[in-house]
Amino acid sequence: GFHSISLNKDFGRGSWKLFDVLFH
């Protein structure tokens, strides 16, 4: 299930995923 969401630290540096969504 959903746990948390945060900004992707690697956005624009090889990754175009803006958010990281964590599931536990």
mmCIF file of all heavy atoms, coordinates in Angstrom:
data_MODEL
# 
_entry.id   MODEL 
# 
loop_
_atom_site.group_PDB 
_atom_site.id 
_atom_site.type_symbol 
_atom_site.label_atom_id 
_atom_site.label_alt_id 
_atom_site.label_comp_id 
_atom_site.label_asym_id 
_atom_site.label_entity_id 
_atom_site.label_seq_id 
_atom_site.pdbx_PDB_ins_code 
_atom_site.Cartn_x 
_atom_site.Cartn_y 
_atom_site.Cartn_z 
_atom_site.occupancy 
_atom_site.B_iso_or_equiv 
_atom_site.pdbx_formal_charge 
_atom_site.auth_seq_id 
_atom_site.auth_comp_id 
_atom_site.auth_asym_id 
_atom_site.auth_atom_id 
_atom_site.pdbx_PDB_model_num 
ATOM 1   N N   . GLY A 1 1  ? 0.827  -1.195 0.000   1.00 0.00 ? 1  GLY A N   1 
ATOM 2   C CA  . GLY A 1 1  ? 0.000  0.000  0.000   1.00 0.00 ? 1  GLY A CA  1 
ATOM 3   C C   . GLY A 1 1  ? 0.860  1.244  0.000   1.00 0.00 ? 1  GLY A C   1 
ATOM 4   O O   . GLY A 1 1  ? 2.068  1.195  0.289   1.00 0.00 ? 1  GLY A O   1 
ATOM 5   N N   . PHE A 1 2  ? 0.263  2.362  -0.318  1.00 0.00 ? 2  PHE A N   1 
ATOM 6   C CA  . PHE A 1 2  ? 0.993  3.636  -0.378  1.00 0.00 ? 2  PHE A CA  1 
ATOM 7   C C   . PHE A 1 2  ? 1.599  3.968  0.977   1.00 0.00 ? 2  PHE A C   1 
ATOM 8   O O   . PHE A 1 2  ? 0.957  3.821  2.018   1.00 0.00 ? 2  PHE A O   1 
ATOM 9   C CB  . PHE A 1 2  ? 0.055  4.757  -0.822  1.00 0.00 ? 2  PHE A CB  1 
ATOM 10  C CG  . PHE A 1 2  ? 0.648  6.133  -0.689  1.00 0.00 ? 2  PHE A CG  1 
ATOM 11  C CD1 . PHE A 1 2  ? 1.593  6.571  -1.601  1.00 0.00 ? 2  PHE A CD1 1 
ATOM 12  C CD2 . PHE A 1 2  ? 0.285  6.965  0.360   1.00 0.00 ? 2  PHE A CD2 1 
ATOM 13  C CE1 . PHE A 1 2  ? 2.158  7.835  -1.484  1.00 0.00 ? 2  PHE A CE1 1 
ATOM 14  C CE2 . PHE A 1 2  ? 0.842  8.225  0.487   1.00 0.00 ? 2  PHE A CE2 1 
ATOM 15  C CZ  . PHE A 1 2  ? 1.785  8.660  -0.435  1.00 0.00 ? 2  PHE A CZ  1 
ATOM 16  N N   . HIS A 1 3  ? 2.845  4.439  0.948   1.00 0.00 ? 3  HIS A N   1 
ATOM 17  C CA  . HIS A 1 3  ? 3.513  4.858  2.185   1.00 0.00 ? 3  HIS A CA  1 
ATOM 18  C C   . HIS A 1 3  ? 3.864  6.345  2.170   1.00 0.00 ? 3  HIS A C   1 
ATOM 19  O O   . HIS A 1 3  ? 3.526  7.076  3.089   1.00 0.00 ? 3  HIS A O   1 
ATOM 20  C CB  . HIS A 1 3  ? 4.789  4.031  2.400   1.00 0.00 ? 3  HIS A CB  1 
ATOM 21  C CG  . HIS A 1 3  ? 5.544  4.411  3.637   1.00 0.00 ? 3  HIS A CG  1 
ATOM 22  N ND1 . HIS A 1 3  ? 6.625  5.270  3.620   1.00 0.00 ? 3  HIS A ND1 1 
ATOM 23  C CD2 . HIS A 1 3  ? 5.357  4.066  4.940   1.00 0.00 ? 3  HIS A CD2 1 
ATOM 24  C CE1 . HIS A 1 3  ? 7.077  5.440  4.850   1.00 0.00 ? 3  HIS A CE1 1 
ATOM 25  N NE2 . HIS A 1 3  ? 6.336  4.715  5.669   1.00 0.00 ? 3  HIS A NE2 1 
ATOM 26  N N   . SER A 1 4  ? 4.525  6.805  1.112   1.00 0.00 ? 4  SER A N   1 
ATOM 27  C CA  . SER A 1 4  ? 4.931  8.212  1.080   1.00 0.00 ? 4  SER A CA  1 
ATOM 28  C C   . SER A 1 4  ? 5.279  8.617  -0.348  1.00 0.00 ? 4  SER A C   1 
ATOM 29  O O   . SER A 1 4  ? 5.483  7.769  -1.222  1.00 0.00 ? 4  SER A O   1 
ATOM 30  C CB  . SER A 1 4  ? 6.134  8.463  1.999   1.00 0.00 ? 4  SER A CB  1 
ATOM 31  O OG  . SER A 1 4  ? 7.252  7.712  1.562   1.00 0.00 ? 4  SER A OG  1 
ATOM 32  N N   . ILE A 1 5  ? 5.363  9.915  -0.547  1.00 0.00 ? 5  ILE A N   1 
ATOM 33  C CA  . ILE A 1 5  ? 5.751  10.456 -1.844  1.00 0.00 ? 5  ILE A CA  1 
ATOM 34  C C   . ILE A 1 5  ? 6.770  11.561 -1.617  1.00 0.00 ? 5  ILE A C   1 
ATOM 35  O O   . ILE A 1 5  ? 6.676  12.324 -0.646  1.00 0.00 ? 5  ILE A O   1 
ATOM 36  C CB  . ILE A 1 5  ? 4.520  10.995 -2.620  1.00 0.00 ? 5  ILE A CB  1 
ATOM 37  C CG1 . ILE A 1 5  ? 4.929  11.484 -4.013  1.00 0.00 ? 5  ILE A CG1 1 
ATOM 38  C CG2 . ILE A 1 5  ? 3.823  12.106 -1.856  1.00 0.00 ? 5  ILE A CG2 1 
ATOM 39  C CD1 . ILE A 1 5  ? 3.738  11.826 -4.901  1.00 0.00 ? 5  ILE A CD1 1 
ATOM 40  N N   . SER A 1 6  ? 7.762  11.633 -2.490  1.00 0.00 ? 6  SER A N   1 
ATOM 41  C CA  . SER A 1 6  ? 8.799  12.651 -2.352  1.00 0.00 ? 6  SER A CA  1 
ATOM 42  C C   . SER A 1 6  ? 9.302  13.038 -3.735  1.00 0.00 ? 6  SER A C   1 
ATOM 43  O O   . SER A 1 6  ? 9.117  12.312 -4.718  1.00 0.00 ? 6  SER A O   1 
ATOM 44  C CB  . SER A 1 6  ? 9.958  12.136 -1.490  1.00 0.00 ? 6  SER A CB  1 
ATOM 45  O OG  . SER A 1 6  ? 10.547 10.987 -2.088  1.00 0.00 ? 6  SER A OG  1 
ATOM 46  N N   . LEU A 1 7  ? 9.940  14.202 -3.808  1.00 0.00 ? 7  LEU A N   1 
ATOM 47  C CA  . LEU A 1 7  ? 10.530 14.642 -5.074  1.00 0.00 ? 7  LEU A CA  1 
ATOM 48  C C   . LEU A 1 7  ? 11.717 13.757 -5.428  1.00 0.00 ? 7  LEU A C   1 
ATOM 49  O O   . LEU A 1 7  ? 12.505 13.365 -4.562  1.00 0.00 ? 7  LEU A O   1 
ATOM 50  C CB  . LEU A 1 7  ? 10.989 16.100 -4.957  1.00 0.00 ? 7  LEU A CB  1 
ATOM 51  C CG  . LEU A 1 7  ? 9.891  17.160 -4.915  1.00 0.00 ? 7  LEU A CG  1 
ATOM 52  C CD1 . LEU A 1 7  ? 10.503 18.528 -4.610  1.00 0.00 ? 7  LEU A CD1 1 
ATOM 53  C CD2 . LEU A 1 7  ? 9.126  17.200 -6.228  1.00 0.00 ? 7  LEU A CD2 1 
ATOM 54  N N   . ASN A 1 8  ? 11.825 13.424 -6.696  1.00 0.00 ? 8  ASN A N   1 
ATOM 55  C CA  . ASN A 1 8  ? 12.933 12.607 -7.184  1.00 0.00 ? 8  ASN A CA  1 
ATOM 56  C C   . ASN A 1 8  ? 14.193 13.475 -7.269  1.00 0.00 ? 8  ASN A C   1 
ATOM 57  O O   . ASN A 1 8  ? 14.265 14.429 -8.039  1.00 0.00 ? 8  ASN A O   1 
ATOM 58  C CB  . ASN A 1 8  ? 12.584 12.032 -8.558  1.00 0.00 ? 8  ASN A CB  1 
ATOM 59  C CG  . ASN A 1 8  ? 13.682 11.158 -9.114  1.00 0.00 ? 8  ASN A CG  1 
ATOM 60  O OD1 . ASN A 1 8  ? 14.613 10.771 -8.393  1.00 0.00 ? 8  ASN A OD1 1 
ATOM 61  N ND2 . ASN A 1 8  ? 13.590 10.841 -10.394 1.00 0.00 ? 8  ASN A ND2 1 
ATOM 62  N N   . LYS A 1 9  ? 15.196 13.127 -6.467  1.00 0.00 ? 9  LYS A N   1 
ATOM 63  C CA  . LYS A 1 9  ? 16.426 13.925 -6.423  1.00 0.00 ? 9  LYS A CA  1 
ATOM 64  C C   . LYS A 1 9  ? 17.203 13.866 -7.734  1.00 0.00 ? 9  LYS A C   1 
ATOM 65  O O   . LYS A 1 9  ? 18.014 14.749 -8.018  1.00 0.00 ? 9  LYS A O   1 
ATOM 66  C CB  . LYS A 1 9  ? 17.302 13.442 -5.274  1.00 0.00 ? 9  LYS A CB  1 
ATOM 67  C CG  . LYS A 1 9  ? 16.679 13.665 -3.902  1.00 0.00 ? 9  LYS A CG  1 
ATOM 68  C CD  . LYS A 1 9  ? 17.596 13.148 -2.799  1.00 0.00 ? 9  LYS A CD  1 
ATOM 69  C CE  . LYS A 1 9  ? 16.959 13.364 -1.434  1.00 0.00 ? 9  LYS A CE  1 
ATOM 70  N NZ  . LYS A 1 9  ? 17.819 12.849 -0.328  1.00 0.00 ? 9  LYS A NZ  1 
ATOM 71  N N   . ASP A 1 10 ? 16.953 12.835 -8.519  1.00 0.00 ? 10 ASP A N   1 
ATOM 72  C CA  . ASP A 1 10 ? 17.678 12.673 -9.783  1.00 0.00 ? 10 ASP A CA  1 
ATOM 73  C C   . ASP A 1 10 ? 16.914 13.239 -10.980 1.00 0.00 ? 10 ASP A C   1 
ATOM 74  O O   . ASP A 1 10 ? 17.307 13.018 -12.124 1.00 0.00 ? 10 ASP A O   1 
ATOM 75  C CB  . ASP A 1 10 ? 17.971 11.193 -10.035 1.00 0.00 ? 10 ASP A CB  1 
ATOM 76  C CG  . ASP A 1 10 ? 18.909 10.608 -8.989  1.00 0.00 ? 10 ASP A CG  1 
ATOM 77  O OD1 . ASP A 1 10 ? 19.809 11.331 -8.552  1.00 0.00 ? 10 ASP A OD1 1 
ATOM 78  O OD2 . ASP A 1 10 ? 18.708 9.437  -8.609  1.00 0.00 ? 10 ASP A OD2 1 
ATOM 79  N N   . PHE A 1 11 ? 15.805 13.954 -10.696 1.00 0.00 ? 11 PHE A N   1 
ATOM 80  C CA  . PHE A 1 11 ? 15.025 14.518 -11.805 1.00 0.00 ? 11 PHE A CA  1 
ATOM 81  C C   . PHE A 1 11 ? 15.890 15.495 -12.613 1.00 0.00 ? 11 PHE A C   1 
ATOM 82  O O   . PHE A 1 11 ? 16.526 16.400 -12.067 1.00 0.00 ? 11 PHE A O   1 
ATOM 83  C CB  . PHE A 1 11 ? 13.800 15.254 -11.258 1.00 0.00 ? 11 PHE A CB  1 
ATOM 84  C CG  . PHE A 1 11 ? 12.978 15.921 -12.325 1.00 0.00 ? 11 PHE A CG  1 
ATOM 85  C CD1 . PHE A 1 11 ? 12.192 15.167 -13.192 1.00 0.00 ? 11 PHE A CD1 1 
ATOM 86  C CD2 . PHE A 1 11 ? 12.997 17.300 -12.486 1.00 0.00 ? 11 PHE A CD2 1 
ATOM 87  C CE1 . PHE A 1 11 ? 11.427 15.777 -14.174 1.00 0.00 ? 11 PHE A CE1 1 
ATOM 88  C CE2 . PHE A 1 11 ? 12.238 17.916 -13.466 1.00 0.00 ? 11 PHE A CE2 1 
ATOM 89  C CZ  . PHE A 1 11 ? 11.455 17.141 -14.313 1.00 0.00 ? 11 PHE A CZ  1 
ATOM 90  N N   . GLY A 1 12 ? 15.910 15.284 -13.938 1.00 0.00 ? 12 GLY A N   1 
ATOM 91  C CA  . GLY A 1 12 ? 16.706 16.132 -14.816 1.00 0.00 ? 12 GLY A CA  1 
ATOM 92  C C   . GLY A 1 12 ? 18.143 15.689 -14.955 1.00 0.00 ? 12 GLY A C   1 
ATOM 93  O O   . GLY A 1 12 ? 18.901 16.239 -15.761 1.00 0.00 ? 12 GLY A O   1 
ATOM 94  N N   . ARG A 1 13 ? 18.542 14.686 -14.156 1.00 0.00 ? 13 ARG A N   1 
ATOM 95  C CA  . ARG A 1 13 ? 19.914 14.177 -14.226 1.00 0.00 ? 13 ARG A CA  1 
ATOM 96  C C   . ARG A 1 13 ? 19.881 12.685 -14.560 1.00 0.00 ? 13 ARG A C   1 
ATOM 97  O O   . ARG A 1 13 ? 20.331 11.840 -13.795 1.00 0.00 ? 13 ARG A O   1 
ATOM 98  C CB  . ARG A 1 13 ? 20.632 14.406 -12.897 1.00 0.00 ? 13 ARG A CB  1 
ATOM 99  C CG  . ARG A 1 13 ? 20.863 15.885 -12.580 1.00 0.00 ? 13 ARG A CG  1 
ATOM 100 C CD  . ARG A 1 13 ? 21.583 16.051 -11.257 1.00 0.00 ? 13 ARG A CD  1 
ATOM 101 N NE  . ARG A 1 13 ? 20.777 15.576 -10.152 1.00 0.00 ? 13 ARG A NE  1 
ATOM 102 C CZ  . ARG A 1 13 ? 21.166 15.605 -8.868  1.00 0.00 ? 13 ARG A CZ  1 
ATOM 103 N NH1 . ARG A 1 13 ? 22.387 16.070 -8.572  1.00 0.00 ? 13 ARG A NH1 1 
ATOM 104 N NH2 . ARG A 1 13 ? 20.374 15.167 -7.921  1.00 0.00 ? 13 ARG A NH2 1 
ATOM 105 N N   . GLY A 1 14 ? 19.301 12.407 -15.709 1.00 0.00 ? 14 GLY A N   1 
ATOM 106 C CA  . GLY A 1 14 ? 19.189 11.019 -16.145 1.00 0.00 ? 14 GLY A CA  1 
ATOM 107 C C   . GLY A 1 14 ? 17.858 10.389 -15.844 1.00 0.00 ? 14 GLY A C   1 
ATOM 108 O O   . GLY A 1 14 ? 17.581 9.268  -16.263 1.00 0.00 ? 14 GLY A O   1 
ATOM 109 N N   . SER A 1 15 ? 17.005 11.087 -15.097 1.00 0.00 ? 15 SER A N   1 
ATOM 110 C CA  . SER A 1 15 ? 15.677 10.570 -14.770 1.00 0.00 ? 15 SER A CA  1 
ATOM 111 C C   . SER A 1 15 ? 14.654 11.669 -14.997 1.00 0.00 ? 15 SER A C   1 
ATOM 112 O O   . SER A 1 15 ? 14.857 12.827 -14.587 1.00 0.00 ? 15 SER A O   1 
ATOM 113 C CB  . SER A 1 15 ? 15.627 10.092 -13.315 1.00 0.00 ? 15 SER A CB  1 
ATOM 114 O OG  . SER A 1 15 ? 14.297 9.726  -12.970 1.00 0.00 ? 15 SER A OG  1 
ATOM 115 N N   . TRP A 1 16 ? 13.550 11.307 -15.640 1.00 0.00 ? 16 TRP A N   1 
ATOM 116 C CA  . TRP A 1 16 ? 12.485 12.274 -15.897 1.00 0.00 ? 16 TRP A CA  1 
ATOM 117 C C   . TRP A 1 16 ? 11.264 12.006 -15.027 1.00 0.00 ? 16 TRP A C   1 
ATOM 118 O O   . TRP A 1 16 ? 10.203 12.537 -15.269 1.00 0.00 ? 16 TRP A O   1 
ATOM 119 C CB  . TRP A 1 16 ? 12.107 12.262 -17.383 1.00 0.00 ? 16 TRP A CB  1 
ATOM 120 C CG  . TRP A 1 16 ? 13.222 12.750 -18.238 1.00 0.00 ? 16 TRP A CG  1 
ATOM 121 C CD1 . TRP A 1 16 ? 14.081 12.015 -18.984 1.00 0.00 ? 16 TRP A CD1 1 
ATOM 122 C CD2 . TRP A 1 16 ? 13.621 14.125 -18.413 1.00 0.00 ? 16 TRP A CD2 1 
ATOM 123 N NE1 . TRP A 1 16 ? 14.999 12.816 -19.623 1.00 0.00 ? 16 TRP A NE1 1 
ATOM 124 C CE2 . TRP A 1 16 ? 14.739 14.125 -19.289 1.00 0.00 ? 16 TRP A CE2 1 
ATOM 125 C CE3 . TRP A 1 16 ? 13.164 15.339 -17.915 1.00 0.00 ? 16 TRP A CE3 1 
ATOM 126 C CZ2 . TRP A 1 16 ? 15.388 15.294 -19.669 1.00 0.00 ? 16 TRP A CZ2 1 
ATOM 127 C CZ3 . TRP A 1 16 ? 13.809 16.500 -18.295 1.00 0.00 ? 16 TRP A CZ3 1 
ATOM 128 C CH2 . TRP A 1 16 ? 14.897 16.474 -19.162 1.00 0.00 ? 16 TRP A CH2 1 
ATOM 129 N N   . LYS A 1 17 ? 11.463 11.189 -14.025 1.00 0.00 ? 17 LYS A N   1 
ATOM 130 C CA  . LYS A 1 17 ? 10.384 10.928 -13.069 1.00 0.00 ? 17 LYS A CA  1 
ATOM 131 C C   . LYS A 1 17 ? 10.433 11.989 -11.982 1.00 0.00 ? 17 LYS A C   1 
ATOM 132 O O   . LYS A 1 17 ? 11.412 12.085 -11.240 1.00 0.00 ? 17 LYS A O   1 
ATOM 133 C CB  . LYS A 1 17 ? 10.528 9.528  -12.472 1.00 0.00 ? 17 LYS A CB  1 
ATOM 134 C CG  . LYS A 1 17 ? 9.387  9.118  -11.575 1.00 0.00 ? 17 LYS A CG  1 
ATOM 135 C CD  . LYS A 1 17 ? 9.485  7.655  -11.164 1.00 0.00 ? 17 LYS A CD  1 
ATOM 136 C CE  . LYS A 1 17 ? 10.715 7.410  -10.322 1.00 0.00 ? 17 LYS A CE  1 
ATOM 137 N NZ  . LYS A 1 17 ? 10.739 6.053  -9.736  1.00 0.00 ? 17 LYS A NZ  1 
ATOM 138 N N   . LEU A 1 18 ? 9.399  12.812 -11.884 1.00 0.00 ? 18 LEU A N   1 
ATOM 139 C CA  . LEU A 1 18 ? 9.409  13.951 -10.969 1.00 0.00 ? 18 LEU A CA  1 
ATOM 140 C C   . LEU A 1 18 ? 9.268  13.511 -9.512  1.00 0.00 ? 18 LEU A C   1 
ATOM 141 O O   . LEU A 1 18 ? 9.875  14.086 -8.612  1.00 0.00 ? 18 LEU A O   1 
ATOM 142 C CB  . LEU A 1 18 ? 8.274  14.919 -11.332 1.00 0.00 ? 18 LEU A CB  1 
ATOM 143 C CG  . LEU A 1 18 ? 8.168  16.204 -10.504 1.00 0.00 ? 18 LEU A CG  1 
ATOM 144 C CD1 . LEU A 1 18 ? 9.456  17.010 -10.583 1.00 0.00 ? 18 LEU A CD1 1 
ATOM 145 C CD2 . LEU A 1 18 ? 6.985  17.049 -10.982 1.00 0.00 ? 18 LEU A CD2 1 
ATOM 146 N N   . PHE A 1 19 ? 8.451  12.463 -9.267  1.00 0.00 ? 19 PHE A N   1 
ATOM 147 C CA  . PHE A 1 19 ? 8.194  12.039 -7.897  1.00 0.00 ? 19 PHE A CA  1 
ATOM 148 C C   . PHE A 1 19 ? 8.606  10.581 -7.699  1.00 0.00 ? 19 PHE A C   1 
ATOM 149 O O   . PHE A 1 19 ? 8.548  9.767  -8.627  1.00 0.00 ? 19 PHE A O   1 
ATOM 150 C CB  . PHE A 1 19 ? 6.702  12.170 -7.559  1.00 0.00 ? 19 PHE A CB  1 
ATOM 151 C CG  . PHE A 1 19 ? 6.201  13.589 -7.570  1.00 0.00 ? 19 PHE A CG  1 
ATOM 152 C CD1 . PHE A 1 19 ? 5.490  14.073 -8.660  1.00 0.00 ? 19 PHE A CD1 1 
ATOM 153 C CD2 . PHE A 1 19 ? 6.429  14.426 -6.495  1.00 0.00 ? 19 PHE A CD2 1 
ATOM 154 C CE1 . PHE A 1 19 ? 5.020  15.376 -8.681  1.00 0.00 ? 19 PHE A CE1 1 
ATOM 155 C CE2 . PHE A 1 19 ? 5.964  15.735 -6.497  1.00 0.00 ? 19 PHE A CE2 1 
ATOM 156 C CZ  . PHE A 1 19 ? 5.261  16.211 -7.592  1.00 0.00 ? 19 PHE A CZ  1 
ATOM 157 N N   . ASP A 1 20 ? 9.010  10.284 -6.486  1.00 0.00 ? 20 ASP A N   1 
ATOM 158 C CA  . ASP A 1 20 ? 9.208  8.904  -6.051  1.00 0.00 ? 20 ASP A CA  1 
ATOM 159 C C   . ASP A 1 20 ? 8.051  8.535  -5.134  1.00 0.00 ? 20 ASP A C   1 
ATOM 160 O O   . ASP A 1 20 ? 7.807  9.220  -4.125  1.00 0.00 ? 20 ASP A O   1 
ATOM 161 C CB  . ASP A 1 20 ? 10.526 8.752  -5.285  1.00 0.00 ? 20 ASP A CB  1 
ATOM 162 C CG  . ASP A 1 20 ? 11.731 8.749  -6.206  1.00 0.00 ? 20 ASP A CG  1 
ATOM 163 O OD1 . ASP A 1 20 ? 11.607 8.201  -7.312  1.00 0.00 ? 20 ASP A OD1 1 
ATOM 164 O OD2 . ASP A 1 20 ? 12.773 9.294  -5.815  1.00 0.00 ? 20 ASP A OD2 1 
ATOM 165 N N   . VAL A 1 21 ? 7.343  7.486  -5.491  1.00 0.00 ? 21 VAL A N   1 
ATOM 166 C CA  . VAL A 1 21 ? 6.233  7.009  -4.669  1.00 0.00 ? 21 VAL A CA  1 
ATOM 167 C C   . VAL A 1 21 ? 6.659  5.695  -4.028  1.00 0.00 ? 21 VAL A C   1 
ATOM 168 O O   . VAL A 1 21 ? 7.041  4.753  -4.730  1.00 0.00 ? 21 VAL A O   1 
ATOM 169 C CB  . VAL A 1 21 ? 4.951  6.802  -5.506  1.00 0.00 ? 21 VAL A CB  1 
ATOM 170 C CG1 . VAL A 1 21 ? 3.801  6.335  -4.616  1.00 0.00 ? 21 VAL A CG1 1 
ATOM 171 C CG2 . VAL A 1 21 ? 4.572  8.096  -6.223  1.00 0.00 ? 21 VAL A CG2 1 
ATOM 172 N N   . LEU A 1 22 ? 6.617  5.649  -2.701  1.00 0.00 ? 22 LEU A N   1 
ATOM 173 C CA  . LEU A 1 22 ? 7.053  4.469  -1.967  1.00 0.00 ? 22 LEU A CA  1 
ATOM 174 C C   . LEU A 1 22 ? 5.848  3.660  -1.500  1.00 0.00 ? 22 LEU A C   1 
ATOM 175 O O   . LEU A 1 22 ? 4.862  4.222  -1.014  1.00 0.00 ? 22 LEU A O   1 
ATOM 176 C CB  . LEU A 1 22 ? 7.896  4.879  -0.756  1.00 0.00 ? 22 LEU A CB  1 
ATOM 177 C CG  . LEU A 1 22 ? 9.182  5.665  -1.054  1.00 0.00 ? 22 LEU A CG  1 
ATOM 178 C CD1 . LEU A 1 22 ? 9.903  5.996  0.244   1.00 0.00 ? 22 LEU A CD1 1 
ATOM 179 C CD2 . LEU A 1 22 ? 10.092 4.885  -1.995  1.00 0.00 ? 22 LEU A CD2 1 
ATOM 180 N N   . PHE A 1 23 ? 5.939  2.344  -1.663  1.00 0.00 ? 23 PHE A N   1 
ATOM 181 C CA  . PHE A 1 23 ? 4.898  1.428  -1.210  1.00 0.00 ? 23 PHE A CA  1 
ATOM 182 C C   . PHE A 1 23 ? 5.494  0.465  -0.195  1.00 0.00 ? 23 PHE A C   1 
ATOM 183 O O   . PHE A 1 23 ? 6.601  -0.050 -0.393  1.00 0.00 ? 23 PHE A O   1 
ATOM 184 C CB  . PHE A 1 23 ? 4.309  0.647  -2.391  1.00 0.00 ? 23 PHE A CB  1 
ATOM 185 C CG  . PHE A 1 23 ? 3.679  1.523  -3.431  1.00 0.00 ? 23 PHE A CG  1 
ATOM 186 C CD1 . PHE A 1 23 ? 4.394  1.937  -4.555  1.00 0.00 ? 23 PHE A CD1 1 
ATOM 187 C CD2 . PHE A 1 23 ? 2.365  1.939  -3.306  1.00 0.00 ? 23 PHE A CD2 1 
ATOM 188 C CE1 . PHE A 1 23 ? 3.818  2.743  -5.514  1.00 0.00 ? 23 PHE A CE1 1 
ATOM 189 C CE2 . PHE A 1 23 ? 1.778  2.749  -4.263  1.00 0.00 ? 23 PHE A CE2 1 
ATOM 190 C CZ  . PHE A 1 23 ? 2.498  3.151  -5.364  1.00 0.00 ? 23 PHE A CZ  1 
ATOM 191 N N   . HIS A 1 24 ? 4.770  0.216  0.885   1.00 0.00 ? 24 HIS A N   1 
ATOM 192 C CA  . HIS A 1 24 ? 5.220  -0.702 1.913   1.00 0.00 ? 24 HIS A CA  1 
ATOM 193 C C   . HIS A 1 24 ? 4.253  -1.870 2.027   1.00 0.00 ? 24 HIS A C   1 
ATOM 194 O O   . HIS A 1 24 ? 3.055  -1.728 1.756   1.00 0.00 ? 24 HIS A O   1 
ATOM 195 C CB  . HIS A 1 24 ? 5.311  0.021  3.265   1.00 0.00 ? 24 HIS A CB  1 
ATOM 196 C CG  . HIS A 1 24 ? 6.564  0.825  3.421   1.00 0.00 ? 24 HIS A CG  1 
ATOM 197 N ND1 . HIS A 1 24 ? 6.971  1.336  4.640   1.00 0.00 ? 24 HIS A ND1 1 
ATOM 198 C CD2 . HIS A 1 24 ? 7.517  1.199  2.527   1.00 0.00 ? 24 HIS A CD2 1 
ATOM 199 C CE1 . HIS A 1 24 ? 8.108  1.994  4.472   1.00 0.00 ? 24 HIS A CE1 1 
ATOM 200 N NE2 . HIS A 1 24 ? 8.446  1.936  3.207   1.00 0.00 ? 24 HIS A NE2 1 
# 
